[in-house]
Amino acid sequence: MENRIKELRKSKKLSQEHLANACEVSRQTINAIENNKYDPSLMLAFQLAENLDVSVDKLFLYQSRREK
């Protein structure tokens, strides 16, 4: 599953560190999520969405296996 976190974070001029602090995770966690190396928990997904002022469905781009 791909995401738009990096794009949205940069549009708000937030550093990974700032977003990580706001979500109470490490900067490395934000980096891993942005690089599609880690899928966040549902709770973290909602925290990211809240801090980026978007809904969860605007953060993540789902493509079903059938569409690939």
C-alpha atoms as a PDB file:
ATOM      1  CA  MET A   1       0.000   0.000   0.000  1.00  0.00           C
ATOM      2  CA  GLU A   2       1.469   3.344  -0.985  1.00  0.00           C
ATOM      3  CA  ASN A   3       0.937   6.573   0.901  1.00  0.00           C
ATOM      4  CA  ARG A   4       1.043  10.349   0.445  1.00  0.00           C
ATOM      5  CA  ILE A   5       2.528  11.164   3.843  1.00  0.00           C
ATOM      6  CA  LYS A   6       5.796  12.638   2.571  1.00  0.00           C
ATOM      7  CA  GLU A   7       3.993  14.795   0.009  1.00  0.00           C
ATOM      8  CA  LEU A   8       1.468  16.074   2.565  1.00  0.00           C
ATOM      9  CA  ARG A   9       4.110  16.565   5.255  1.00  0.00           C
ATOM     10  CA  LYS A  10       6.270  18.656   2.922  1.00  0.00           C
ATOM     11  CA  SER A  11       3.281  20.720   1.759  1.00  0.00           C
ATOM     12  CA  LYS A  12       2.747  21.672   5.409  1.00  0.00           C
ATOM     13  CA  LYS A  13       6.482  22.385   5.817  1.00  0.00           C
ATOM     14  CA  LEU A  14       6.809  19.819   8.600  1.00  0.00           C
ATOM     15  CA  SER A  15       9.989  17.873   9.284  1.00  0.00           C
ATOM     16  CA  GLN A  16       9.881  14.145   9.880  1.00  0.00           C
ATOM     17  CA  GLU A  17      10.970  14.904  13.438  1.00  0.00           C
ATOM     18  CA  HIS A  18       8.069  17.308  14.015  1.00  0.00           C
ATOM     19  CA  LEU A  19       5.497  14.859  12.638  1.00  0.00           C
ATOM     20  CA  ALA A  20       7.049  12.027  14.649  1.00  0.00           C
ATOM     21  CA  ASN A  21       6.852  14.046  17.876  1.00  0.00           C
ATOM     22  CA  ALA A  22       3.232  14.969  17.180  1.00  0.00           C
ATOM     23  CA  CYS A  23       2.386  11.283  16.658  1.00  0.00           C
ATOM     24  CA  GLU A  24       4.575  10.081  19.542  1.00  0.00           C
ATOM     25  CA  VAL A  25       6.769   7.845  17.368  1.00  0.00           C
ATOM     26  CA  SER A  26      10.390   8.029  16.238  1.00  0.00           C
ATOM     27  CA  ARG A  27      11.612   9.918  13.176  1.00  0.00           C
ATOM     28  CA  GLN A  28      12.790   6.566  11.847  1.00  0.00           C
ATOM     29  CA  THR A  29       9.208   5.276  11.979  1.00  0.00           C
ATOM     30  CA  ILE A  30       7.991   8.208   9.864  1.00  0.00           C
ATOM     31  CA  ASN A  31      10.848   7.615   7.430  1.00  0.00           C
ATOM     32  CA  ALA A  32       9.999   3.918   7.124  1.00  0.00           C
ATOM     33  CA  ILE A  33       6.316   4.662   6.541  1.00  0.00           C
ATOM     34  CA  GLU A  34       7.094   7.304   3.908  1.00  0.00           C
ATOM     35  CA  ASN A  35       9.345   4.838   2.090  1.00  0.00           C
ATOM     36  CA  ASN A  36       6.704   2.072   2.184  1.00  0.00           C
ATOM     37  CA  LYS A  37       8.902  -0.120   4.381  1.00  0.00           C
ATOM     38  CA  TYR A  38       6.444  -0.153   7.284  1.00  0.00           C
ATOM     39  CA  ASP A  39       2.654  -0.075   7.422  1.00  0.00           C
ATOM     40  CA  PRO A  40       1.422   1.923  10.410  1.00  0.00           C
ATOM     41  CA  SER A  41      -1.108   0.600  12.889  1.00  0.00           C
ATOM     42  CA  LEU A  42      -4.641   1.858  12.505  1.00  0.00           C
ATOM     43  CA  MET A  43      -4.183   4.140  15.516  1.00  0.00           C
ATOM     44  CA  LEU A  44      -1.014   5.650  14.039  1.00  0.00           C
ATOM     45  CA  ALA A  45      -2.722   6.084  10.659  1.00  0.00           C
ATOM     46  CA  PHE A  46      -5.432   8.151  12.354  1.00  0.00           C
ATOM     47  CA  GLN A  47      -2.809  10.197  14.246  1.00  0.00           C
ATOM     48  CA  LEU A  48      -0.946  10.895  10.991  1.00  0.00           C
ATOM     49  CA  ALA A  49      -4.160  11.924   9.255  1.00  0.00           C
ATOM     50  CA  GLU A  50      -5.121  14.219  12.120  1.00  0.00           C
ATOM     51  CA  ASN A  51      -1.710  15.899  12.161  1.00  0.00           C
ATOM     52  CA  LEU A  52      -1.730  16.325   8.368  1.00  0.00           C
ATOM     53  CA  ASP A  53      -5.335  17.628   8.357  1.00  0.00           C
ATOM     54  CA  VAL A  54      -6.686  14.965   6.008  1.00  0.00           C
ATOM     55  CA  SER A  55      -8.818  11.855   6.325  1.00  0.00           C
ATOM     56  CA  VAL A  56      -7.141   8.454   6.488  1.00  0.00           C
ATOM     57  CA  ASP A  57      -8.432   7.523   3.034  1.00  0.00           C
ATOM     58  CA  LYS A  58      -6.579  10.547   1.604  1.00  0.00           C
ATOM     59  CA  LEU A  59      -3.284   9.342   3.115  1.00  0.00           C
ATOM     60  CA  PHE A  60      -3.152   5.847   1.694  1.00  0.00           C
ATOM     61  CA  LEU A  61      -3.479   4.658  -1.902  1.00  0.00           C
ATOM     62  CA  TYR A  62      -4.924   1.157  -2.029  1.00  0.00           C
ATOM     63  CA  GLN A  63      -4.651  -0.926  -5.160  1.00  0.00           C
ATOM     64  CA  SER A  64      -6.278  -4.330  -5.034  1.00  0.00           C
ATOM     65  CA  ARG A  65      -4.407  -7.352  -6.280  1.00  0.00           C
ATOM     66  CA  ARG A  66      -6.888  -7.608  -9.136  1.00  0.00           C
ATOM     67  CA  GLU A  67      -5.961  -4.106 -10.356  1.00  0.00           C
ATOM     68  CA  LYS A  68      -2.234  -4.871 -10.575  1.00  0.00           C
END
